[in-house]
C-alpha atoms as a PDB file:
ATOM      1  CA  UNK A   1     -37.734   5.472  23.563  1.00  0.00           C
ATOM      2  CA  UNK A   2     -33.689   6.397  23.678  1.00  0.00           C
ATOM      3  CA  UNK A   3     -33.637   5.464  19.908  1.00  0.00           C
ATOM      4  CA  UNK A   4     -36.155   7.968  19.004  1.00  0.00           C
ATOM      5  CA  UNK A   5     -34.146  11.013  19.776  1.00  0.00           C
ATOM      6  CA  UNK A   6     -30.906  12.374  19.165  1.00  0.00           C
ATOM      7  CA  UNK A   7     -28.263  15.119  20.100  1.00  0.00           C
ATOM      8  CA  UNK A   8     -27.086  17.300  17.143  1.00  0.00           C
ATOM      9  CA  UNK A   9     -23.148  17.571  16.894  1.00  0.00           C
ATOM     10  CA  UNK A  10     -23.108  21.130  16.985  1.00  0.00           C
ATOM     11  CA  UNK A  11     -26.137  23.136  19.008  1.00  0.00           C
ATOM     12  CA  UNK A  12     -26.633  20.008  21.022  1.00  0.00           C
ATOM     13  CA  UNK A  13     -30.375  20.278  21.107  1.00  0.00           C
ATOM     14  CA  UNK A  14     -32.001  17.432  21.417  1.00  0.00           C
ATOM     15  CA  UNK A  15     -34.063  16.175  18.155  1.00  0.00           C
ATOM     16  CA  UNK A  16     -36.254  13.576  16.909  1.00  0.00           C
ATOM     17  CA  UNK A  17     -34.742  11.204  14.760  1.00  0.00           C
ATOM     18  CA  UNK A  18     -37.060  11.315  12.078  1.00  0.00           C
ATOM     19  CA  UNK A  19     -37.434  15.058  11.907  1.00  0.00           C
ATOM     20  CA  UNK A  20     -33.423  14.475  11.035  1.00  0.00           C
ATOM     21  CA  UNK A  21     -34.198  11.651   8.832  1.00  0.00           C
ATOM     22  CA  UNK A  22     -36.703  13.689   6.943  1.00  0.00           C
ATOM     23  CA  UNK A  23     -34.147  16.437   6.437  1.00  0.00           C
ATOM     24  CA  UNK A  24     -31.184  14.704   4.800  1.00  0.00           C
ATOM     25  CA  UNK A  25     -29.867  13.892   7.914  1.00  0.00           C
ATOM     26  CA  UNK A  26     -29.292  17.790   8.595  1.00  0.00           C
ATOM     27  CA  UNK A  27     -30.379  19.299  11.736  1.00  0.00           C
ATOM     28  CA  UNK A  28     -33.446  20.933  11.058  1.00  0.00           C
ATOM     29  CA  UNK A  29     -32.101  23.597  13.957  1.00  0.00           C
ATOM     30  CA  UNK A  30     -28.550  24.973  13.443  1.00  0.00           C
ATOM     31  CA  UNK A  31     -27.927  23.141   9.524  1.00  0.00           C
ATOM     32  CA  UNK A  32     -25.372  20.824  11.180  1.00  0.00           C
ATOM     33  CA  UNK A  33     -24.835  17.846   8.283  1.00  0.00           C
ATOM     34  CA  UNK A  34     -24.672  14.428   9.757  1.00  0.00           C
ATOM     35  CA  UNK A  35     -22.313  11.644   8.327  1.00  0.00           C
ATOM     36  CA  UNK A  36     -24.045   9.662   6.221  1.00  0.00           C
ATOM     37  CA  UNK A  37     -22.765   5.989   5.347  1.00  0.00           C
ATOM     38  CA  UNK A  38     -21.755   4.949   1.654  1.00  0.00           C
ATOM     39  CA  UNK A  39     -25.000   2.972   1.025  1.00  0.00           C
ATOM     40  CA  UNK A  40     -27.120   5.951   2.039  1.00  0.00           C
ATOM     41  CA  UNK A  41     -25.074   8.535  -0.306  1.00  0.00           C
ATOM     42  CA  UNK A  42     -26.227   5.875  -3.082  1.00  0.00           C
ATOM     43  CA  UNK A  43     -29.747   6.532  -2.382  1.00  0.00           C
ATOM     44  CA  UNK A  44     -29.611  10.396  -2.101  1.00  0.00           C
ATOM     45  CA  UNK A  45     -27.560  10.342  -5.512  1.00  0.00           C
ATOM     46  CA  UNK A  46     -28.479   7.523  -7.594  1.00  0.00           C
ATOM     47  CA  UNK A  47     -32.034   7.610  -9.080  1.00  0.00           C
ATOM     48  CA  UNK A  48     -34.233   5.707  -7.500  1.00  0.00           C
ATOM     49  CA  UNK A  49     -33.231   2.056  -7.836  1.00  0.00           C
ATOM     50  CA  UNK A  50     -31.036   2.920 -10.598  1.00  0.00           C
ATOM     51  CA  UNK A  51     -27.635   1.326  -9.564  1.00  0.00           C
ATOM     52  CA  UNK A  52     -25.356  -1.662  -8.923  1.00  0.00           C
ATOM     53  CA  UNK A  53     -22.575  -2.437  -7.157  1.00  0.00           C
ATOM     54  CA  UNK A  54     -19.471  -3.574  -8.216  1.00  0.00           C
ATOM     55  CA  UNK A  55     -16.009  -5.074  -6.798  1.00  0.00           C
ATOM     56  CA  UNK A  56     -17.675  -6.218  -3.717  1.00  0.00           C
ATOM     57  CA  UNK A  57     -15.729  -9.268  -3.700  1.00  0.00           C
ATOM     58  CA  UNK A  58     -12.447  -7.830  -2.893  1.00  0.00           C
ATOM     59  CA  UNK A  59     -10.906  -7.848   0.942  1.00  0.00           C
ATOM     60  CA  UNK A  60      -8.030  -6.791   3.048  1.00  0.00           C
ATOM     61  CA  UNK A  61      -5.135  -8.711   4.145  1.00  0.00           C
ATOM     62  CA  UNK A  62      -2.968  -8.212   7.123  1.00  0.00           C
ATOM     63  CA  UNK A  63       0.121  -8.600   4.966  1.00  0.00           C
ATOM     64  CA  UNK A  64       2.324  -7.188   8.106  1.00  0.00           C
ATOM     65  CA  UNK A  65       1.137  -8.806  10.351  1.00  0.00           C
ATOM     66  CA  UNK A  66       0.416  -5.767  12.328  1.00  0.00           C
ATOM     67  CA  UNK A  67      -0.509  -5.559  15.888  1.00  0.00           C
ATOM     68  CA  UNK A  68      -1.012  -2.377  18.184  1.00  0.00           C
ATOM     69  CA  UNK A  69      -3.654  -2.830  21.081  1.00  0.00           C
ATOM     70  CA  UNK A  70      -5.328  -5.696  18.586  1.00  0.00           C
ATOM     71  CA  UNK A  71      -3.948  -7.601  15.986  1.00  0.00           C
ATOM     72  CA  UNK A  72      -5.124  -6.069  12.645  1.00  0.00           C
ATOM     73  CA  UNK A  73      -6.889  -9.089  11.410  1.00  0.00           C
ATOM     74  CA  UNK A  74      -9.193  -8.804  14.132  1.00  0.00           C
ATOM     75  CA  UNK A  75     -10.287  -5.344  14.002  1.00  0.00           C
ATOM     76  CA  UNK A  76     -11.028  -6.014  10.224  1.00  0.00           C
ATOM     77  CA  UNK A  77     -13.107  -8.505  11.141  1.00  0.00           C
ATOM     78  CA  UNK A  78     -14.636  -6.587  13.818  1.00  0.00           C
ATOM     79  CA  UNK A  79     -15.467  -3.764  11.286  1.00  0.00           C
ATOM     80  CA  UNK A  80     -17.250  -6.150   8.731  1.00  0.00           C
ATOM     81  CA  UNK A  81     -18.966  -7.514  11.257  1.00  0.00           C
ATOM     82  CA  UNK A  82     -19.909  -4.023  12.310  1.00  0.00           C
ATOM     83  CA  UNK A  83     -20.700  -2.295   8.838  1.00  0.00           C
ATOM     84  CA  UNK A  84     -21.508  -5.407   6.427  1.00  0.00           C
ATOM     85  CA  UNK A  85     -18.887  -4.458   4.210  1.00  0.00           C
ATOM     86  CA  UNK A  86     -15.396  -5.654   3.288  1.00  0.00           C
ATOM     87  CA  UNK A  87     -13.739  -2.870   3.271  1.00  0.00           C
ATOM     88  CA  UNK A  88     -13.730   0.968   3.960  1.00  0.00           C
ATOM     89  CA  UNK A  89     -15.660   1.958   0.533  1.00  0.00           C
ATOM     90  CA  UNK A  90     -18.477   1.046  -1.983  1.00  0.00           C
ATOM     91  CA  UNK A  91     -18.293   1.510  -5.883  1.00  0.00           C
ATOM     92  CA  UNK A  92     -21.609   1.166  -7.587  1.00  0.00           C
ATOM     93  CA  UNK A  93     -22.208   2.151 -11.251  1.00  0.00           C
ATOM     94  CA  UNK A  94     -26.083   3.757 -11.750  1.00  0.00           C
ATOM     95  CA  UNK A  95     -28.174   6.478 -13.529  1.00  0.00           C
ATOM     96  CA  UNK A  96     -28.473  10.243 -12.049  1.00  0.00           C
ATOM     97  CA  UNK A  97     -31.224  11.861 -14.341  1.00  0.00           C
ATOM     98  CA  UNK A  98     -30.695   9.579 -16.723  1.00  0.00           C
ATOM     99  CA  UNK A  99     -26.929  10.280 -17.312  1.00  0.00           C
ATOM    100  CA  UNK A 100     -24.702   6.942 -16.530  1.00  0.00           C
ATOM    101  CA  UNK A 101     -22.353   7.369 -13.825  1.00  0.00           C
ATOM    102  CA  UNK A 102     -19.961   5.421 -11.290  1.00  0.00           C
ATOM    103  CA  UNK A 103     -19.994   6.362  -7.589  1.00  0.00           C
ATOM    104  CA  UNK A 104     -17.055   5.203  -5.354  1.00  0.00           C
ATOM    105  CA  UNK A 105     -18.123   6.549  -1.785  1.00  0.00           C
ATOM    106  CA  UNK A 106     -16.174   5.709   1.545  1.00  0.00           C
ATOM    107  CA  UNK A 107     -17.671   4.203   4.742  1.00  0.00           C
ATOM    108  CA  UNK A 108     -16.025   5.893   7.801  1.00  0.00           C
ATOM    109  CA  UNK A 109     -17.710   3.133  10.188  1.00  0.00           C
ATOM    110  CA  UNK A 110     -15.069   1.073   8.932  1.00  0.00           C
ATOM    111  CA  UNK A 111     -12.260   1.842  10.141  1.00  0.00           C
ATOM    112  CA  UNK A 112     -12.612   5.604  10.213  1.00  0.00           C
ATOM    113  CA  UNK A 113     -12.665   5.287   6.446  1.00  0.00           C
ATOM    114  CA  UNK A 114      -8.864   4.932   6.372  1.00  0.00           C
ATOM    115  CA  UNK A 115      -7.350   4.042   3.199  1.00  0.00           C
ATOM    116  CA  UNK A 116      -6.097   0.945   2.883  1.00  0.00           C
ATOM    117  CA  UNK A 117      -4.690  -1.529  -0.180  1.00  0.00           C
ATOM    118  CA  UNK A 118      -8.392  -2.524  -0.672  1.00  0.00           C
ATOM    119  CA  UNK A 119      -9.369   1.289  -1.120  1.00  0.00           C
ATOM    120  CA  UNK A 120      -6.832   1.694  -3.244  1.00  0.00           C
ATOM    121  CA  UNK A 121      -7.645  -0.593  -5.452  1.00  0.00           C
ATOM    122  CA  UNK A 122     -11.202  -0.138  -5.391  1.00  0.00           C
ATOM    123  CA  UNK A 123     -10.934   3.061  -6.309  1.00  0.00           C
ATOM    124  CA  UNK A 124      -8.629   2.943  -9.293  1.00  0.00           C
ATOM    125  CA  UNK A 125     -10.637  -0.276 -10.992  1.00  0.00           C
ATOM    126  CA  UNK A 126     -13.246   2.304 -10.949  1.00  0.00           C
ATOM    127  CA  UNK A 127     -11.524   4.749 -12.568  1.00  0.00           C
ATOM    128  CA  UNK A 128     -10.292   2.603 -15.204  1.00  0.00           C
ATOM    129  CA  UNK A 129     -13.655   0.934 -15.774  1.00  0.00           C
ATOM    130  CA  UNK A 130     -14.744   5.275 -16.121  1.00  0.00           C
ATOM    131  CA  UNK A 131     -12.039   5.587 -18.408  1.00  0.00           C
ATOM    132  CA  UNK A 132     -13.023   2.110 -20.504  1.00  0.00           C
ATOM    133  CA  UNK A 133     -16.594   2.541 -20.566  1.00  0.00           C
ATOM    134  CA  UNK A 134     -15.921   7.108 -21.012  1.00  0.00           C
ATOM    135  CA  UNK A 135     -18.314   7.434 -18.087  1.00  0.00           C
ATOM    136  CA  UNK A 136     -17.958  10.538 -15.667  1.00  0.00           C
ATOM    137  CA  UNK A 137     -17.153   9.194 -12.159  1.00  0.00           C
ATOM    138  CA  UNK A 138     -17.703  10.791  -8.184  1.00  0.00           C
ATOM    139  CA  UNK A 139     -15.648   9.588  -5.587  1.00  0.00           C
ATOM    140  CA  UNK A 140     -17.147  10.829  -1.967  1.00  0.00           C
ATOM    141  CA  UNK A 141     -14.450  10.971   0.749  1.00  0.00           C
ATOM    142  CA  UNK A 142     -15.336  10.024   4.415  1.00  0.00           C
ATOM    143  CA  UNK A 143     -11.550   9.226   5.759  1.00  0.00           C
ATOM    144  CA  UNK A 144      -9.113   9.951   8.292  1.00  0.00           C
ATOM    145  CA  UNK A 145      -6.217   9.252   5.862  1.00  0.00           C
ATOM    146  CA  UNK A 146      -4.278   5.959   4.614  1.00  0.00           C
ATOM    147  CA  UNK A 147      -4.277   3.345   7.099  1.00  0.00           C
ATOM    148  CA  UNK A 148      -1.417   3.050   9.569  1.00  0.00           C
ATOM    149  CA  UNK A 149      -1.946  -0.961   9.660  1.00  0.00           C
ATOM    150  CA  UNK A 150      -0.795  -1.392   6.446  1.00  0.00           C
ATOM    151  CA  UNK A 151       2.279   0.996   6.202  1.00  0.00           C
ATOM    152  CA  UNK A 152       3.976   1.945   3.005  1.00  0.00           C
ATOM    153  CA  UNK A 153       1.606  -0.267   0.881  1.00  0.00           C
ATOM    154  CA  UNK A 154      -0.827   2.072   2.052  1.00  0.00           C
ATOM    155  CA  UNK A 155       0.781   4.922   1.336  1.00  0.00           C
ATOM    156  CA  UNK A 156       1.817   3.244  -2.491  1.00  0.00           C
ATOM    157  CA  UNK A 157      -2.037   4.164  -3.104  1.00  0.00           C
ATOM    158  CA  UNK A 158      -1.365   7.796  -2.877  1.00  0.00           C
ATOM    159  CA  UNK A 159       0.453   7.310  -6.041  1.00  0.00           C
ATOM    160  CA  UNK A 160      -1.679   4.429  -7.977  1.00  0.00           C
ATOM    161  CA  UNK A 161      -5.120   6.537  -7.882  1.00  0.00           C
ATOM    162  CA  UNK A 162      -3.519   9.643  -9.179  1.00  0.00           C
ATOM    163  CA  UNK A 163      -2.330   8.193 -11.951  1.00  0.00           C
ATOM    164  CA  UNK A 164      -5.444   6.948 -12.838  1.00  0.00           C
ATOM    165  CA  UNK A 165      -7.063   9.903 -12.324  1.00  0.00           C
ATOM    166  CA  UNK A 166      -4.460  11.787 -14.465  1.00  0.00           C
ATOM    167  CA  UNK A 167      -5.115   8.915 -17.428  1.00  0.00           C
ATOM    168  CA  UNK A 168      -9.021  10.391 -17.137  1.00  0.00           C
ATOM    169  CA  UNK A 169      -7.942  13.871 -17.566  1.00  0.00           C
ATOM    170  CA  UNK A 170      -5.868  12.799 -20.590  1.00  0.00           C
ATOM    171  CA  UNK A 171      -8.694  11.421 -22.228  1.00  0.00           C
ATOM    172  CA  UNK A 172     -11.131  13.784 -21.468  1.00  0.00           C
ATOM    173  CA  UNK A 173     -13.567  11.815 -19.008  1.00  0.00           C
ATOM    174  CA  UNK A 174     -15.452  13.935 -15.819  1.00  0.00           C
ATOM    175  CA  UNK A 175     -14.130  13.508 -12.575  1.00  0.00           C
ATOM    176  CA  UNK A 176     -15.631  15.315  -9.519  1.00  0.00           C
ATOM    177  CA  UNK A 177     -14.562  14.925  -6.138  1.00  0.00           C
ATOM    178  CA  UNK A 178     -17.106  15.689  -2.936  1.00  0.00           C
ATOM    179  CA  UNK A 179     -15.187  15.608   0.608  1.00  0.00           C
ATOM    180  CA  UNK A 180     -17.042  15.288   3.262  1.00  0.00           C
ATOM    181  CA  UNK A 181     -16.831  15.057   7.146  1.00  0.00           C
ATOM    182  CA  UNK A 182     -13.620  14.180   8.193  1.00  0.00           C
ATOM    183  CA  UNK A 183     -11.441  14.360   4.864  1.00  0.00           C
ATOM    184  CA  UNK A 184      -8.024  13.872   6.527  1.00  0.00           C
ATOM    185  CA  UNK A 185      -4.514  12.609   5.270  1.00  0.00           C
ATOM    186  CA  UNK A 186      -3.422  10.583   2.497  1.00  0.00           C
ATOM    187  CA  UNK A 187      -7.613  11.038   1.203  1.00  0.00           C
ATOM    188  CA  UNK A 188      -6.625  14.764   0.622  1.00  0.00           C
ATOM    189  CA  UNK A 189      -3.282  13.954  -0.452  1.00  0.00           C
ATOM    190  CA  UNK A 190      -4.315  12.083  -3.374  1.00  0.00           C
ATOM    191  CA  UNK A 191      -7.981  11.853  -5.022  1.00  0.00           C
ATOM    192  CA  UNK A 192     -10.068  13.937  -2.811  1.00  0.00           C
ATOM    193  CA  UNK A 193      -8.141  16.894  -3.982  1.00  0.00           C
ATOM    194  CA  UNK A 194      -7.858  16.257  -7.799  1.00  0.00           C
ATOM    195  CA  UNK A 195     -11.069  16.195  -9.277  1.00  0.00           C
ATOM    196  CA  UNK A 196     -11.994  18.463 -12.582  1.00  0.00           C
ATOM    197  CA  UNK A 197     -14.597  19.941  -9.851  1.00  0.00           C
ATOM    198  CA  UNK A 198     -13.498  19.890  -5.892  1.00  0.00           C
ATOM    199  CA  UNK A 199     -17.086  20.421  -4.263  1.00  0.00           C
ATOM    200  CA  UNK A 200     -17.353  19.840   0.044  1.00  0.00           C
ATOM    201  CA  UNK A 201     -20.506  19.881   2.059  1.00  0.00           C
ATOM    202  CA  UNK A 202     -20.809  22.651   4.691  1.00  0.00           C
ATOM    203  CA  UNK A 203     -18.262  22.590   7.699  1.00  0.00           C
ATOM    204  CA  UNK A 204     -16.460  19.335   6.567  1.00  0.00           C
ATOM    205  CA  UNK A 205     -13.060  18.765   8.173  1.00  0.00           C
ATOM    206  CA  UNK A 206     -10.710  18.674   5.702  1.00  0.00           C
ATOM    207  CA  UNK A 207      -6.615  18.422   5.607  1.00  0.00           C
ATOM    208  CA  UNK A 208      -3.898  16.736   5.694  1.00  0.00           C
ATOM    209  CA  UNK A 209      -2.519  16.902   9.565  1.00  0.00           C
ATOM    210  CA  UNK A 210      -4.314  17.576  12.008  1.00  0.00           C
ATOM    211  CA  UNK A 211      -4.648  20.867  13.348  1.00  0.00           C
ATOM    212  CA  UNK A 212      -3.158  20.654  16.808  1.00  0.00           C
ATOM    213  CA  UNK A 213      -0.284  18.573  15.170  1.00  0.00           C
ATOM    214  CA  UNK A 214       0.423  21.684  13.148  1.00  0.00           C
ATOM    215  CA  UNK A 215      -0.155  24.016  15.725  1.00  0.00           C
ATOM    216  CA  UNK A 216       2.469  22.387  17.689  1.00  0.00           C
ATOM    217  CA  UNK A 217       5.067  22.242  14.657  1.00  0.00           C
ATOM    218  CA  UNK A 218       4.842  25.691  13.687  1.00  0.00           C
ATOM    219  CA  UNK A 219       4.659  26.680  17.234  1.00  0.00           C
ATOM    220  CA  UNK A 220       1.151  29.262  16.472  1.00  0.00           C
ATOM    221  CA  UNK A 221      -2.290  29.182  16.925  1.00  0.00           C
ATOM    222  CA  UNK A 222      -4.046  29.069  13.494  1.00  0.00           C
ATOM    223  CA  UNK A 223      -7.044  30.806  12.440  1.00  0.00           C
ATOM    224  CA  UNK A 224     -10.684  30.502  13.306  1.00  0.00           C
ATOM    225  CA  UNK A 225     -12.511  27.861  11.205  1.00  0.00           C
ATOM    226  CA  UNK A 226      -8.976  26.819   9.788  1.00  0.00           C
ATOM    227  CA  UNK A 227      -9.349  23.667   7.795  1.00  0.00           C
ATOM    228  CA  UNK A 228     -13.588  23.858   7.485  1.00  0.00           C
ATOM    229  CA  UNK A 229     -14.696  24.050   4.343  1.00  0.00           C
ATOM    230  CA  UNK A 230     -15.738  27.970   4.108  1.00  0.00           C
ATOM    231  CA  UNK A 231     -11.869  28.039   4.903  1.00  0.00           C
ATOM    232  CA  UNK A 232     -10.893  26.011   2.008  1.00  0.00           C
ATOM    233  CA  UNK A 233     -13.125  27.480  -0.163  1.00  0.00           C
ATOM    234  CA  UNK A 234     -11.801  31.022   0.900  1.00  0.00           C
ATOM    235  CA  UNK A 235      -7.983  30.145   0.059  1.00  0.00           C
ATOM    236  CA  UNK A 236      -8.854  28.439  -4.098  1.00  0.00           C
ATOM    237  CA  UNK A 237      -8.607  24.704  -2.334  1.00  0.00           C
ATOM    238  CA  UNK A 238     -12.458  24.053  -3.224  1.00  0.00           C
ATOM    239  CA  UNK A 239     -14.306  25.361  -6.290  1.00  0.00           C
ATOM    240  CA  UNK A 240     -17.494  25.173  -3.784  1.00  0.00           C
ATOM    241  CA  UNK A 241     -19.885  24.111  -1.045  1.00  0.00           C
ATOM    242  CA  UNK A 242     -23.201  22.539  -2.052  1.00  0.00           C
ATOM    243  CA  UNK A 243     -25.748  21.875   0.981  1.00  0.00           C
ATOM    244  CA  UNK A 244     -26.861  18.153   1.094  1.00  0.00           C
ATOM    245  CA  UNK A 245     -30.362  19.141   0.205  1.00  0.00           C
ATOM    246  CA  UNK A 246     -28.821  21.024  -3.403  1.00  0.00           C
ATOM    247  CA  UNK A 247     -26.032  18.384  -4.373  1.00  0.00           C
ATOM    248  CA  UNK A 248     -28.313  15.779  -6.412  1.00  0.00           C
ATOM    249  CA  UNK A 249     -29.509  18.636  -8.540  1.00  0.00           C
ATOM    250  CA  UNK A 250     -25.845  20.792  -8.208  1.00  0.00           C
ATOM    251  CA  UNK A 251     -24.219  17.199  -9.579  1.00  0.00           C
ATOM    252  CA  UNK A 252     -26.230  16.533 -12.170  1.00  0.00           C
ATOM    253  CA  UNK A 253     -25.714  20.084 -13.807  1.00  0.00           C
ATOM    254  CA  UNK A 254     -22.228  19.652 -13.395  1.00  0.00           C
ATOM    255  CA  UNK A 255     -22.386  16.370 -15.150  1.00  0.00           C
ATOM    256  CA  UNK A 256     -24.634  18.063 -18.092  1.00  0.00           C
ATOM    257  CA  UNK A 257     -22.148  20.720 -18.619  1.00  0.00           C
ATOM    258  CA  UNK A 258     -18.928  18.248 -18.737  1.00  0.00           C
ATOM    259  CA  UNK A 259     -20.553  15.820 -20.633  1.00  0.00           C
ATOM    260  CA  UNK A 260     -22.656  18.690 -22.889  1.00  0.00           C
ATOM    261  CA  UNK A 261     -26.181  16.552 -23.007  1.00  0.00           C
ATOM    262  CA  UNK A 262     -28.755  18.712 -22.713  1.00  0.00           C
ATOM    263  CA  UNK A 263     -31.645  18.316 -20.297  1.00  0.00           C
END
């Protein structure tokens, strides 16, 4: 019986799960946007059945033999078993209302969507394929930032992905960034904020360092709503906030404007 019901993280109401699913995983009472998996993002955006995954066989390696409370190699195996994925991002190419497009969607359930070498490599490969085939690319971020277990190797992904985006811009290939809850750390400091258009879902946490760390550093109380989508839009860090129900038609309209393709 418990699996039939869920509690909203925002209004704390007990909700029938099917009602949430029928409402695109948005609370029908307070409009809170629940997190979606990478696969759910694909089914929400692509035309029905019109996408193909690629670069699925790339897996992380524990080069540094890192160990904190657990070995990094063990954490990888646990996340792979839990999610059925090799790492924290999926790449797919398909159609959106007849427009060919590449989408990379991050998976927060895999080690907090952290950006390690595999994530950086897969995003870069997707960007390079988009450049080669002159196909628009969308990256959907849901991440706690760079993966600390890979040290400097994870930080190198910021430069690697940013350079690939710069090549896209030079070639005039559209790049759309969608920030979802949460988008933080090195992900924010690289491809998440480098889109030709940067959009976000409502009330998503978006930032580099956490609010508590910032308050401790500057010794000041942060303003209400700091690092939420609405705050970033007000201060010019985002171009728009888009409700999940309107997201697919919104992105399609942007793609048609960027590619000059009439309906």
